[in-house]
Amino acid sequence: MATKEYAGKTVNVTDDGYLTDPSQWTREVAQAIAAEEGITLTNTHWKVIDFLKKDFAATGALASMRRINKTGGIATKDLYEMFPDGPLKKAARIAGLPRPTSCV
């Protein structure tokens, strides 16, 4: 298992950088991961991250793009603007959630 340091905190990660222990996630860790992705988190980013975390806790599965759009109220085009080149993959990584199974 690999480790990485974000915001002065050492966390366990997979080979592709997803946290393996959700309890190690903090907002500061999220900001550091986002910065690594070239993303500055805004209130709208946090809305997506909070939705993903709450939905994952309730369902045990990562929400699809469609679910984020329909249930979370975030338009797909907005997701692509906020998290370019793979919105679900990047949002899940920043939220400390597992890598989406639909992503290669």
PDB file of N, CA and C in Angstrom:
ATOM      1  N   MET A   1       0.839  -1.179   0.000  1.00  0.00           N
ATOM      2  CA  MET A   1       0.000   0.000   0.000  1.00  0.00           C
ATOM      3  C   MET A   1       0.885   1.244   0.000  1.00  0.00           C
ATOM      4  N   ALA A   2       0.556   2.166  -0.850  1.00  0.00           N
ATOM      5  CA  ALA A   2       1.313   3.408  -0.961  1.00  0.00           C
ATOM      6  C   ALA A   2       0.784   4.436   0.032  1.00  0.00           C
ATOM      7  N   THR A   3       1.623   5.387   0.353  1.00  0.00           N
ATOM      8  CA  THR A   3       1.193   6.509   1.179  1.00  0.00           C
ATOM      9  C   THR A   3       1.556   7.801   0.458  1.00  0.00           C
ATOM     10  N   LYS A   4       0.858   8.842   0.821  1.00  0.00           N
ATOM     11  CA  LYS A   4       1.108  10.151   0.239  1.00  0.00           C
ATOM     12  C   LYS A   4       0.855  11.178   1.329  1.00  0.00           C
ATOM     13  N   GLU A   5       1.550  12.293   1.257  1.00  0.00           N
ATOM     14  CA  GLU A   5       1.324  13.345   2.242  1.00  0.00           C
ATOM     15  C   GLU A   5       0.554  14.491   1.604  1.00  0.00           C
ATOM     16  N   TYR A   6      -0.557  14.830   2.239  1.00  0.00           N
ATOM     17  CA  TYR A   6      -1.389  15.953   1.819  1.00  0.00           C
ATOM     18  C   TYR A   6      -1.649  16.825   3.033  1.00  0.00           C
ATOM     19  N   ALA A   7      -1.411  18.108   2.901  1.00  0.00           N
ATOM     20  CA  ALA A   7      -1.706  19.064   3.974  1.00  0.00           C
ATOM     21  C   ALA A   7      -1.072  18.629   5.303  1.00  0.00           C
ATOM     22  N   GLY A   8       0.143  18.083   5.226  1.00  0.00           N
ATOM     23  CA  GLY A   8       0.853  17.659   6.427  1.00  0.00           C
ATOM     24  C   GLY A   8       0.348  16.366   7.043  1.00  0.00           C
ATOM     25  N   LYS A   9      -0.512  15.656   6.342  1.00  0.00           N
ATOM     26  CA  LYS A   9      -1.090  14.415   6.852  1.00  0.00           C
ATOM     27  C   LYS A   9      -0.740  13.273   5.903  1.00  0.00           C
ATOM     28  N   THR A  10      -0.220  12.189   6.439  1.00  0.00           N
ATOM     29  CA  THR A  10       0.090  11.016   5.623  1.00  0.00           C
ATOM     30  C   THR A  10      -1.160  10.157   5.503  1.00  0.00           C
ATOM     31  N   VAL A  11      -1.515   9.839   4.253  1.00  0.00           N
ATOM     32  CA  VAL A  11      -2.712   9.042   3.990  1.00  0.00           C
ATOM     33  C   VAL A  11      -2.343   7.825   3.152  1.00  0.00           C
ATOM     34  N   ASN A  12      -3.142   6.771   3.266  1.00  0.00           N
ATOM     35  CA  ASN A  12      -2.952   5.565   2.470  1.00  0.00           C
ATOM     36  C   ASN A  12      -3.694   5.728   1.156  1.00  0.00           C
ATOM     37  N   VAL A  13      -3.022   5.417   0.055  1.00  0.00           N
ATOM     38  CA  VAL A  13      -3.621   5.580  -1.264  1.00  0.00           C
ATOM     39  C   VAL A  13      -3.362   4.357  -2.131  1.00  0.00           C
ATOM     40  N   THR A  14      -4.216   4.204  -3.150  1.00  0.00           N
ATOM     41  CA  THR A  14      -3.987   3.173  -4.154  1.00  0.00           C
ATOM     42  C   THR A  14      -2.880   3.649  -5.094  1.00  0.00           C
ATOM     43  N   ASP A  15      -2.468   2.789  -6.010  1.00  0.00           N
ATOM     44  CA  ASP A  15      -1.429   3.172  -6.960  1.00  0.00           C
ATOM     45  C   ASP A  15      -1.829   4.373  -7.814  1.00  0.00           C
ATOM     46  N   ASP A  16      -3.144   4.559  -8.035  1.00  0.00           N
ATOM     47  CA  ASP A  16      -3.580   5.698  -8.836  1.00  0.00           C
ATOM     48  C   ASP A  16      -4.077   6.870  -7.987  1.00  0.00           C
ATOM     49  N   GLY A  17      -3.754   6.868  -6.692  1.00  0.00           N
ATOM     50  CA  GLY A  17      -3.954   8.040  -5.859  1.00  0.00           C
ATOM     51  C   GLY A  17      -5.269   8.191  -5.126  1.00  0.00           C
ATOM     52  N   TYR A  18      -6.091   7.146  -5.083  1.00  0.00           N
ATOM     53  CA  TYR A  18      -7.374   7.207  -4.360  1.00  0.00           C
ATOM     54  C   TYR A  18      -7.156   6.763  -2.919  1.00  0.00           C
ATOM     55  N   LEU A  19      -7.741   7.497  -1.968  1.00  0.00           N
ATOM     56  CA  LEU A  19      -7.614   7.129  -0.570  1.00  0.00           C
ATOM     57  C   LEU A  19      -8.189   5.733  -0.338  1.00  0.00           C
ATOM     58  N   THR A  20      -7.497   4.948   0.484  1.00  0.00           N
ATOM     59  CA  THR A  20      -7.995   3.616   0.819  1.00  0.00           C
ATOM     60  C   THR A  20      -8.695   3.606   2.174  1.00  0.00           C
ATOM     61  N   ASP A  21      -8.494   4.656   2.960  1.00  0.00           N
ATOM     62  CA  ASP A  21      -9.127   4.771   4.270  1.00  0.00           C
ATOM     63  C   ASP A  21      -9.883   6.097   4.319  1.00  0.00           C
ATOM     64  N   PRO A  22     -11.208   6.048   4.144  1.00  0.00           N
ATOM     65  CA  PRO A  22     -11.988   7.288   4.113  1.00  0.00           C
ATOM     66  C   PRO A  22     -11.874   8.133   5.378  1.00  0.00           C
ATOM     67  N   SER A  23     -11.520   7.510   6.499  1.00  0.00           N
ATOM     68  CA  SER A  23     -11.399   8.278   7.741  1.00  0.00           C
ATOM     69  C   SER A  23     -10.203   9.231   7.708  1.00  0.00           C
ATOM     70  N   GLN A  24      -9.295   9.047   6.751  1.00  0.00           N
ATOM     71  CA  GLN A  24      -8.136   9.934   6.639  1.00  0.00           C
ATOM     72  C   GLN A  24      -8.460  11.199   5.843  1.00  0.00           C
ATOM     73  N   TRP A  25      -9.649  11.259   5.253  1.00  0.00           N
ATOM     74  CA  TRP A  25     -10.045  12.410   4.446  1.00  0.00           C
ATOM     75  C   TRP A  25     -10.400  13.597   5.330  1.00  0.00           C
ATOM     76  N   THR A  26      -9.918  14.764   4.949  1.00  0.00           N
ATOM     77  CA  THR A  26     -10.317  16.026   5.563  1.00  0.00           C
ATOM     78  C   THR A  26     -10.505  17.033   4.434  1.00  0.00           C
ATOM     79  N   ARG A  27     -11.098  18.157   4.750  1.00  0.00           N
ATOM     80  CA  ARG A  27     -11.259  19.198   3.730  1.00  0.00           C
ATOM     81  C   ARG A  27      -9.884  19.694   3.258  1.00  0.00           C
ATOM     82  N   GLU A  28      -8.915  19.722   4.174  1.00  0.00           N
ATOM     83  CA  GLU A  28      -7.567  20.157   3.802  1.00  0.00           C
ATOM     84  C   GLU A  28      -6.909  19.149   2.858  1.00  0.00           C
ATOM     85  N   VAL A  29      -7.116  17.866   3.114  1.00  0.00           N
ATOM     86  CA  VAL A  29      -6.613  16.830   2.216  1.00  0.00           C
ATOM     87  C   VAL A  29      -7.265  16.994   0.841  1.00  0.00           C
ATOM     88  N   ALA A  30      -8.573  17.238   0.829  1.00  0.00           N
ATOM     89  CA  ALA A  30      -9.291  17.437  -0.431  1.00  0.00           C
ATOM     90  C   ALA A  30      -8.715  18.616  -1.206  1.00  0.00           C
ATOM     91  N   GLN A  31      -8.439  19.705  -0.526  1.00  0.00           N
ATOM     92  CA  GLN A  31      -7.879  20.873  -1.194  1.00  0.00           C
ATOM     93  C   GLN A  31      -6.509  20.567  -1.792  1.00  0.00           C
ATOM     94  N   ALA A  32      -5.706  19.778  -1.084  1.00  0.00           N
ATOM     95  CA  ALA A  32      -4.380  19.416  -1.586  1.00  0.00           C
ATOM     96  C   ALA A  32      -4.483  18.494  -2.804  1.00  0.00           C
ATOM     97  N   ILE A  33      -5.407  17.542  -2.773  1.00  0.00           N
ATOM     98  CA  ILE A  33      -5.612  16.654  -3.924  1.00  0.00           C
ATOM     99  C   ILE A  33      -6.116  17.473  -5.113  1.00  0.00           C
ATOM    100  N   ALA A  34      -7.039  18.385  -4.856  1.00  0.00           N
ATOM    101  CA  ALA A  34      -7.567  19.234  -5.924  1.00  0.00           C
ATOM    102  C   ALA A  34      -6.446  20.070  -6.545  1.00  0.00           C
ATOM    103  N   ALA A  35      -5.589  20.628  -5.711  1.00  0.00           N
ATOM    104  CA  ALA A  35      -4.469  21.425  -6.221  1.00  0.00           C
ATOM    105  C   ALA A  35      -3.565  20.568  -7.099  1.00  0.00           C
ATOM    106  N   GLU A  36      -3.357  19.318  -6.705  1.00  0.00           N
ATOM    107  CA  GLU A  36      -2.556  18.384  -7.503  1.00  0.00           C
ATOM    108  C   GLU A  36      -3.209  18.151  -8.876  1.00  0.00           C
ATOM    109  N   GLU A  37      -4.533  18.222  -8.913  1.00  0.00           N
ATOM    110  CA  GLU A  37      -5.290  18.060 -10.162  1.00  0.00           C
ATOM    111  C   GLU A  37      -5.424  19.376 -10.929  1.00  0.00           C
ATOM    112  N   GLY A  38      -4.893  20.473 -10.357  1.00  0.00           N
ATOM    113  CA  GLY A  38      -4.990  21.773 -11.006  1.00  0.00           C
ATOM    114  C   GLY A  38      -6.340  22.441 -10.810  1.00  0.00           C
ATOM    115  N   ILE A  39      -7.041  22.072  -9.733  1.00  0.00           N
ATOM    116  CA  ILE A  39      -8.383  22.583  -9.463  1.00  0.00           C
ATOM    117  C   ILE A  39      -8.373  23.388  -8.165  1.00  0.00           C
ATOM    118  N   THR A  40      -8.944  24.585  -8.212  1.00  0.00           N
ATOM    119  CA  THR A  40      -9.172  25.381  -7.006  1.00  0.00           C
ATOM    120  C   THR A  40     -10.635  25.196  -6.629  1.00  0.00           C
ATOM    121  N   LEU A  41     -10.866  24.683  -5.444  1.00  0.00           N
ATOM    122  CA  LEU A  41     -12.221  24.342  -5.032  1.00  0.00           C
ATOM    123  C   LEU A  41     -13.050  25.581  -4.702  1.00  0.00           C
ATOM    124  N   THR A  42     -14.234  25.640  -5.292  1.00  0.00           N
ATOM    125  CA  THR A  42     -15.197  26.711  -5.040  1.00  0.00           C
ATOM    126  C   THR A  42     -16.362  26.124  -4.247  1.00  0.00           C
ATOM    127  N   ASN A  43     -17.317  26.973  -3.894  1.00  0.00           N
ATOM    128  CA  ASN A  43     -18.508  26.472  -3.187  1.00  0.00           C
ATOM    129  C   ASN A  43     -19.254  25.423  -4.012  1.00  0.00           C
ATOM    130  N   THR A  44     -19.276  25.594  -5.329  1.00  0.00           N
ATOM    131  CA  THR A  44     -19.964  24.620  -6.177  1.00  0.00           C
ATOM    132  C   THR A  44     -19.215  23.288  -6.194  1.00  0.00           C
ATOM    133  N   HIS A  45     -17.893  23.320  -6.195  1.00  0.00           N
ATOM    134  CA  HIS A  45     -17.119  22.079  -6.081  1.00  0.00           C
ATOM    135  C   HIS A  45     -17.485  21.359  -4.788  1.00  0.00           C
ATOM    136  N   TRP A  46     -17.545  22.128  -3.697  1.00  0.00           N
ATOM    137  CA  TRP A  46     -17.864  21.528  -2.396  1.00  0.00           C
ATOM    138  C   TRP A  46     -19.267  20.937  -2.393  1.00  0.00           C
ATOM    139  N   LYS A  47     -20.180  21.554  -3.125  1.00  0.00           N
ATOM    140  CA  LYS A  47     -21.535  21.003  -3.227  1.00  0.00           C
ATOM    141  C   LYS A  47     -21.484  19.608  -3.851  1.00  0.00           C
ATOM    142  N   VAL A  48     -20.688  19.448  -4.897  1.00  0.00           N
ATOM    143  CA  VAL A  48     -20.538  18.147  -5.559  1.00  0.00           C
ATOM    144  C   VAL A  48     -19.870  17.155  -4.615  1.00  0.00           C
ATOM    145  N   ILE A  49     -18.785  17.569  -3.981  1.00  0.00           N
ATOM    146  CA  ILE A  49     -18.041  16.689  -3.067  1.00  0.00           C
ATOM    147  C   ILE A  49     -18.936  16.248  -1.912  1.00  0.00           C
ATOM    148  N   ASP A  50     -19.645  17.196  -1.313  1.00  0.00           N
ATOM    149  CA  ASP A  50     -20.543  16.860  -0.197  1.00  0.00           C
ATOM    150  C   ASP A  50     -21.645  15.908  -0.649  1.00  0.00           C
ATOM    151  N   PHE A  51     -22.206  16.154  -1.839  1.00  0.00           N
ATOM    152  CA  PHE A  51     -23.235  15.250  -2.361  1.00  0.00           C
ATOM    153  C   PHE A  51     -22.665  13.844  -2.540  1.00  0.00           C
ATOM    154  N   LEU A  52     -21.490  13.739  -3.164  1.00  0.00           N
ATOM    155  CA  LEU A  52     -20.880  12.422  -3.393  1.00  0.00           C
ATOM    156  C   LEU A  52     -20.641  11.682  -2.080  1.00  0.00           C
ATOM    157  N   LYS A  53     -20.127  12.381  -1.078  1.00  0.00           N
ATOM    158  CA  LYS A  53     -19.835  11.743   0.205  1.00  0.00           C
ATOM    159  C   LYS A  53     -21.118  11.282   0.901  1.00  0.00           C
ATOM    160  N   LYS A  54     -22.143  12.140   0.912  1.00  0.00           N
ATOM    161  CA  LYS A  54     -23.406  11.774   1.566  1.00  0.00           C
ATOM    162  C   LYS A  54     -24.092  10.629   0.821  1.00  0.00           C
ATOM    163  N   ASP A  55     -24.075  10.691  -0.496  1.00  0.00           N
ATOM    164  CA  ASP A  55     -24.718   9.655  -1.282  1.00  0.00           C
ATOM    165  C   ASP A  55     -23.983   8.315  -1.117  1.00  0.00           C
ATOM    166  N   PHE A  56     -22.659   8.357  -1.085  1.00  0.00           N
ATOM    167  CA  PHE A  56     -21.873   7.136  -0.896  1.00  0.00           C
ATOM    168  C   PHE A  56     -22.161   6.533   0.478  1.00  0.00           C
ATOM    169  N   ALA A  57     -22.246   7.385   1.496  1.00  0.00           N
ATOM    170  CA  ALA A  57     -22.545   6.891   2.849  1.00  0.00           C
ATOM    171  C   ALA A  57     -23.923   6.244   2.903  1.00  0.00           C
ATOM    172  N   ALA A  58     -24.866   6.790   2.158  1.00  0.00           N
ATOM    173  CA  ALA A  58     -26.242   6.272   2.176  1.00  0.00           C
ATOM    174  C   ALA A  58     -26.419   5.018   1.328  1.00  0.00           C
ATOM    175  N   THR A  59     -25.705   4.933   0.205  1.00  0.00           N
ATOM    176  CA  THR A  59     -25.939   3.833  -0.735  1.00  0.00           C
ATOM    177  C   THR A  59     -24.814   2.805  -0.781  1.00  0.00           C
ATOM    178  N   GLY A  60     -23.627   3.197  -0.336  1.00  0.00           N
ATOM    179  CA  GLY A  60     -22.481   2.295  -0.406  1.00  0.00           C
ATOM    180  C   GLY A  60     -21.869   2.205  -1.793  1.00  0.00           C
ATOM    181  N   ALA A  61     -22.319   3.078  -2.689  1.00  0.00           N
ATOM    182  CA  ALA A  61     -21.797   3.087  -4.061  1.00  0.00           C
ATOM    183  C   ALA A  61     -21.578   4.528  -4.504  1.00  0.00           C
ATOM    184  N   LEU A  62     -20.631   4.701  -5.394  1.00  0.00           N
ATOM    185  CA  LEU A  62     -20.359   6.023  -5.938  1.00  0.00           C
ATOM    186  C   LEU A  62     -21.469   6.413  -6.906  1.00  0.00           C
ATOM    187  N   ALA A  63     -21.972   7.621  -6.754  1.00  0.00           N
ATOM    188  CA  ALA A  63     -23.042   8.110  -7.632  1.00  0.00           C
ATOM    189  C   ALA A  63     -22.539   8.223  -9.065  1.00  0.00           C
ATOM    190  N   SER A  64     -23.427   7.949  -9.996  1.00  0.00           N
ATOM    191  CA  SER A  64     -23.100   8.112 -11.417  1.00  0.00           C
ATOM    192  C   SER A  64     -23.246   9.585 -11.789  1.00  0.00           C
ATOM    193  N   MET A  65     -22.758   9.929 -12.982  1.00  0.00           N
ATOM    194  CA  MET A  65     -22.920  11.289 -13.483  1.00  0.00           C
ATOM    195  C   MET A  65     -24.411  11.636 -13.543  1.00  0.00           C
ATOM    196  N   ARG A  66     -25.212  10.697 -14.000  1.00  0.00           N
ATOM    197  CA  ARG A  66     -26.653  10.930 -14.113  1.00  0.00           C
ATOM    198  C   ARG A  66     -27.267  11.216 -12.750  1.00  0.00           C
ATOM    199  N   ARG A  67     -26.863  10.455 -11.737  1.00  0.00           N
ATOM    200  CA  ARG A  67     -27.402  10.662 -10.383  1.00  0.00           C
ATOM    201  C   ARG A  67     -26.976  12.027  -9.837  1.00  0.00           C
ATOM    202  N   ILE A  68     -25.739  12.415 -10.082  1.00  0.00           N
ATOM    203  CA  ILE A  68     -25.281  13.736  -9.638  1.00  0.00           C
ATOM    204  C   ILE A  68     -26.135  14.817 -10.294  1.00  0.00           C
ATOM    205  N   ASN A  69     -26.432  14.616 -11.576  1.00  0.00           N
ATOM    206  CA  ASN A  69     -27.242  15.567 -12.322  1.00  0.00           C
ATOM    207  C   ASN A  69     -28.678  15.596 -11.812  1.00  0.00           C
ATOM    208  N   LYS A  70     -29.316  14.435 -11.720  1.00  0.00           N
ATOM    209  CA  LYS A  70     -30.739  14.363 -11.376  1.00  0.00           C
ATOM    210  C   LYS A  70     -31.001  14.593  -9.886  1.00  0.00           C
ATOM    211  N   THR A  71     -30.218  13.958  -9.026  1.00  0.00           N
ATOM    212  CA  THR A  71     -30.460  14.043  -7.588  1.00  0.00           C
ATOM    213  C   THR A  71     -29.668  15.178  -6.937  1.00  0.00           C
ATOM    214  N   GLY A  72     -28.438  15.365  -7.408  1.00  0.00           N
ATOM    215  CA  GLY A  72     -27.585  16.401  -6.827  1.00  0.00           C
ATOM    216  C   GLY A  72     -27.829  17.786  -7.395  1.00  0.00           C
ATOM    217  N   GLY A  73     -28.502  17.842  -8.554  1.00  0.00           N
ATOM    218  CA  GLY A  73     -28.845  19.132  -9.132  1.00  0.00           C
ATOM    219  C   GLY A  73     -27.703  19.855  -9.821  1.00  0.00           C
ATOM    220  N   ILE A  74     -26.676  19.136 -10.231  1.00  0.00           N
ATOM    221  CA  ILE A  74     -25.535  19.745 -10.925  1.00  0.00           C
ATOM    222  C   ILE A  74     -25.570  19.292 -12.376  1.00  0.00           C
ATOM    223  N   ALA A  75     -25.615  20.230 -13.288  1.00  0.00           N
ATOM    224  CA  ALA A  75     -25.667  19.907 -14.717  1.00  0.00           C
ATOM    225  C   ALA A  75     -24.377  19.229 -15.165  1.00  0.00           C
ATOM    226  N   THR A  76     -24.502  18.290 -16.079  1.00  0.00           N
ATOM    227  CA  THR A  76     -23.348  17.546 -16.583  1.00  0.00           C
ATOM    228  C   THR A  76     -22.298  18.478 -17.163  1.00  0.00           C
ATOM    229  N   LYS A  77     -22.721  19.479 -17.921  1.00  0.00           N
ATOM    230  CA  LYS A  77     -21.741  20.400 -18.517  1.00  0.00           C
ATOM    231  C   LYS A  77     -20.983  21.157 -17.427  1.00  0.00           C
ATOM    232  N   ASP A  78     -21.644  21.452 -16.309  1.00  0.00           N
ATOM    233  CA  ASP A  78     -20.974  22.119 -15.195  1.00  0.00           C
ATOM    234  C   ASP A  78     -19.940  21.202 -14.545  1.00  0.00           C
ATOM    235  N   LEU A  79     -20.273  19.920 -14.441  1.00  0.00           N
ATOM    236  CA  LEU A  79     -19.320  18.957 -13.883  1.00  0.00           C
ATOM    237  C   LEU A  79     -18.049  18.904 -14.726  1.00  0.00           C
ATOM    238  N   TYR A  80     -18.223  18.911 -16.053  1.00  0.00           N
ATOM    239  CA  TYR A  80     -17.064  18.884 -16.943  1.00  0.00           C
ATOM    240  C   TYR A  80     -16.245  20.169 -16.848  1.00  0.00           C
ATOM    241  N   GLU A  81     -16.891  21.294 -16.577  1.00  0.00           N
ATOM    242  CA  GLU A  81     -16.166  22.551 -16.406  1.00  0.00           C
ATOM    243  C   GLU A  81     -15.395  22.570 -15.087  1.00  0.00           C
ATOM    244  N   MET A  82     -16.019  22.047 -14.035  1.00  0.00           N
ATOM    245  CA  MET A  82     -15.386  22.059 -12.709  1.00  0.00           C
ATOM    246  C   MET A  82     -14.290  21.019 -12.569  1.00  0.00           C
ATOM    247  N   PHE A  83     -14.516  19.843 -13.172  1.00  0.00           N
ATOM    248  CA  PHE A  83     -13.574  18.725 -13.064  1.00  0.00           C
ATOM    249  C   PHE A  83     -13.228  18.257 -14.482  1.00  0.00           C
ATOM    250  N   PRO A  84     -12.410  19.016 -15.206  1.00  0.00           N
ATOM    251  CA  PRO A  84     -12.136  18.690 -16.614  1.00  0.00           C
ATOM    252  C   PRO A  84     -11.445  17.340 -16.791  1.00  0.00           C
ATOM    253  N   ASP A  85     -11.661  16.744 -17.947  1.00  0.00           N
ATOM    254  CA  ASP A  85     -10.994  15.488 -18.321  1.00  0.00           C
ATOM    255  C   ASP A  85     -11.289  14.347 -17.358  1.00  0.00           C
ATOM    256  N   GLY A  86     -12.542  14.152 -17.049  1.00  0.00           N
ATOM    257  CA  GLY A  86     -12.931  13.037 -16.176  1.00  0.00           C
ATOM    258  C   GLY A  86     -13.557  13.502 -14.893  1.00  0.00           C
ATOM    259  N   PRO A  87     -14.720  14.131 -14.960  1.00  0.00           N
ATOM    260  CA  PRO A  87     -15.307  14.722 -13.756  1.00  0.00           C
ATOM    261  C   PRO A  87     -15.598  13.747 -12.628  1.00  0.00           C
ATOM    262  N   LEU A  88     -16.141  12.588 -12.927  1.00  0.00           N
ATOM    263  CA  LEU A  88     -16.475  11.653 -11.855  1.00  0.00           C
ATOM    264  C   LEU A  88     -15.206  11.098 -11.209  1.00  0.00           C
ATOM    265  N   LYS A  89     -14.236  10.794 -12.024  1.00  0.00           N
ATOM    266  CA  LYS A  89     -12.963  10.271 -11.532  1.00  0.00           C
ATOM    267  C   LYS A  89     -12.264  11.292 -10.627  1.00  0.00           C
ATOM    268  N   LYS A  90     -12.184  12.528 -11.079  1.00  0.00           N
ATOM    269  CA  LYS A  90     -11.506  13.556 -10.290  1.00  0.00           C
ATOM    270  C   LYS A  90     -12.299  13.921  -9.036  1.00  0.00           C
ATOM    271  N   ALA A  91     -13.610  14.064  -9.169  1.00  0.00           N
ATOM    272  CA  ALA A  91     -14.433  14.416  -8.009  1.00  0.00           C
ATOM    273  C   ALA A  91     -14.364  13.326  -6.943  1.00  0.00           C
ATOM    274  N   ALA A  92     -14.395  12.071  -7.356  1.00  0.00           N
ATOM    275  CA  ALA A  92     -14.313  10.961  -6.397  1.00  0.00           C
ATOM    276  C   ALA A  92     -12.968  10.966  -5.685  1.00  0.00           C
ATOM    277  N   ARG A  93     -11.905  11.206  -6.421  1.00  0.00           N
ATOM    278  CA  ARG A  93     -10.564  11.227  -5.820  1.00  0.00           C
ATOM    279  C   ARG A  93     -10.460  12.347  -4.797  1.00  0.00           C
ATOM    280  N   ILE A  94     -10.943  13.533  -5.155  1.00  0.00           N
ATOM    281  CA  ILE A  94     -10.900  14.673  -4.239  1.00  0.00           C
ATOM    282  C   ILE A  94     -11.780  14.424  -3.016  1.00  0.00           C
ATOM    283  N   ALA A  95     -12.896  13.741  -3.202  1.00  0.00           N
ATOM    284  CA  ALA A  95     -13.819  13.444  -2.097  1.00  0.00           C
ATOM    285  C   ALA A  95     -13.341  12.292  -1.220  1.00  0.00           C
ATOM    286  N   GLY A  96     -12.234  11.660  -1.589  1.00  0.00           N
ATOM    287  CA  GLY A  96     -11.714  10.555  -0.780  1.00  0.00           C
ATOM    288  C   GLY A  96     -12.482   9.264  -0.971  1.00  0.00           C
ATOM    289  N   LEU A  97     -13.155   9.133  -2.109  1.00  0.00           N
ATOM    290  CA  LEU A  97     -13.972   7.957  -2.396  1.00  0.00           C
ATOM    291  C   LEU A  97     -13.259   7.039  -3.393  1.00  0.00           C
ATOM    292  N   PRO A  98     -13.741   5.794  -3.538  1.00  0.00           N
ATOM    293  CA  PRO A  98     -13.084   4.860  -4.446  1.00  0.00           C
ATOM    294  C   PRO A  98     -13.163   5.326  -5.912  1.00  0.00           C
ATOM    295  N   ARG A  99     -12.238   4.821  -6.698  1.00  0.00           N
ATOM    296  CA  ARG A  99     -12.226   5.109  -8.123  1.00  0.00           C
ATOM    297  C   ARG A  99     -13.503   4.546  -8.759  1.00  0.00           C
ATOM    298  N   PRO A 100     -14.151   5.336  -9.607  1.00  0.00           N
ATOM    299  CA  PRO A 100     -15.351   4.824 -10.270  1.00  0.00           C
ATOM    300  C   PRO A 100     -15.036   3.591 -11.100  1.00  0.00           C
ATOM    301  N   THR A 101     -15.897   2.593 -11.039  1.00  0.00           N
ATOM    302  CA  THR A 101     -15.638   1.362 -11.791  1.00  0.00           C
ATOM    303  C   THR A 101     -15.812   1.569 -13.276  1.00  0.00           C
ATOM    304  N   SER A 102     -16.550   2.618 -13.663  1.00  0.00           N
ATOM    305  CA  SER A 102     -16.771   2.873 -15.084  1.00  0.00           C
ATOM    306  C   SER A 102     -15.586   3.565 -15.748  1.00  0.00           C
ATOM    307  N   CYS A 103     -14.590   3.984 -14.970  1.00  0.00           N
ATOM    308  CA  CYS A 103     -13.438   4.695 -15.522  1.00  0.00           C
ATOM    309  C   CYS A 103     -12.287   3.723 -15.764  1.00  0.00           C
ATOM    310  N   VAL A 104     -11.651   3.853 -16.905  1.00  0.00           N
ATOM    311  CA  VAL A 104     -10.509   2.991 -17.235  1.00  0.00           C
ATOM    312  C   VAL A 104      -9.209   3.637 -16.856  1.00  0.00           C
TER     313      VAL A 104
END
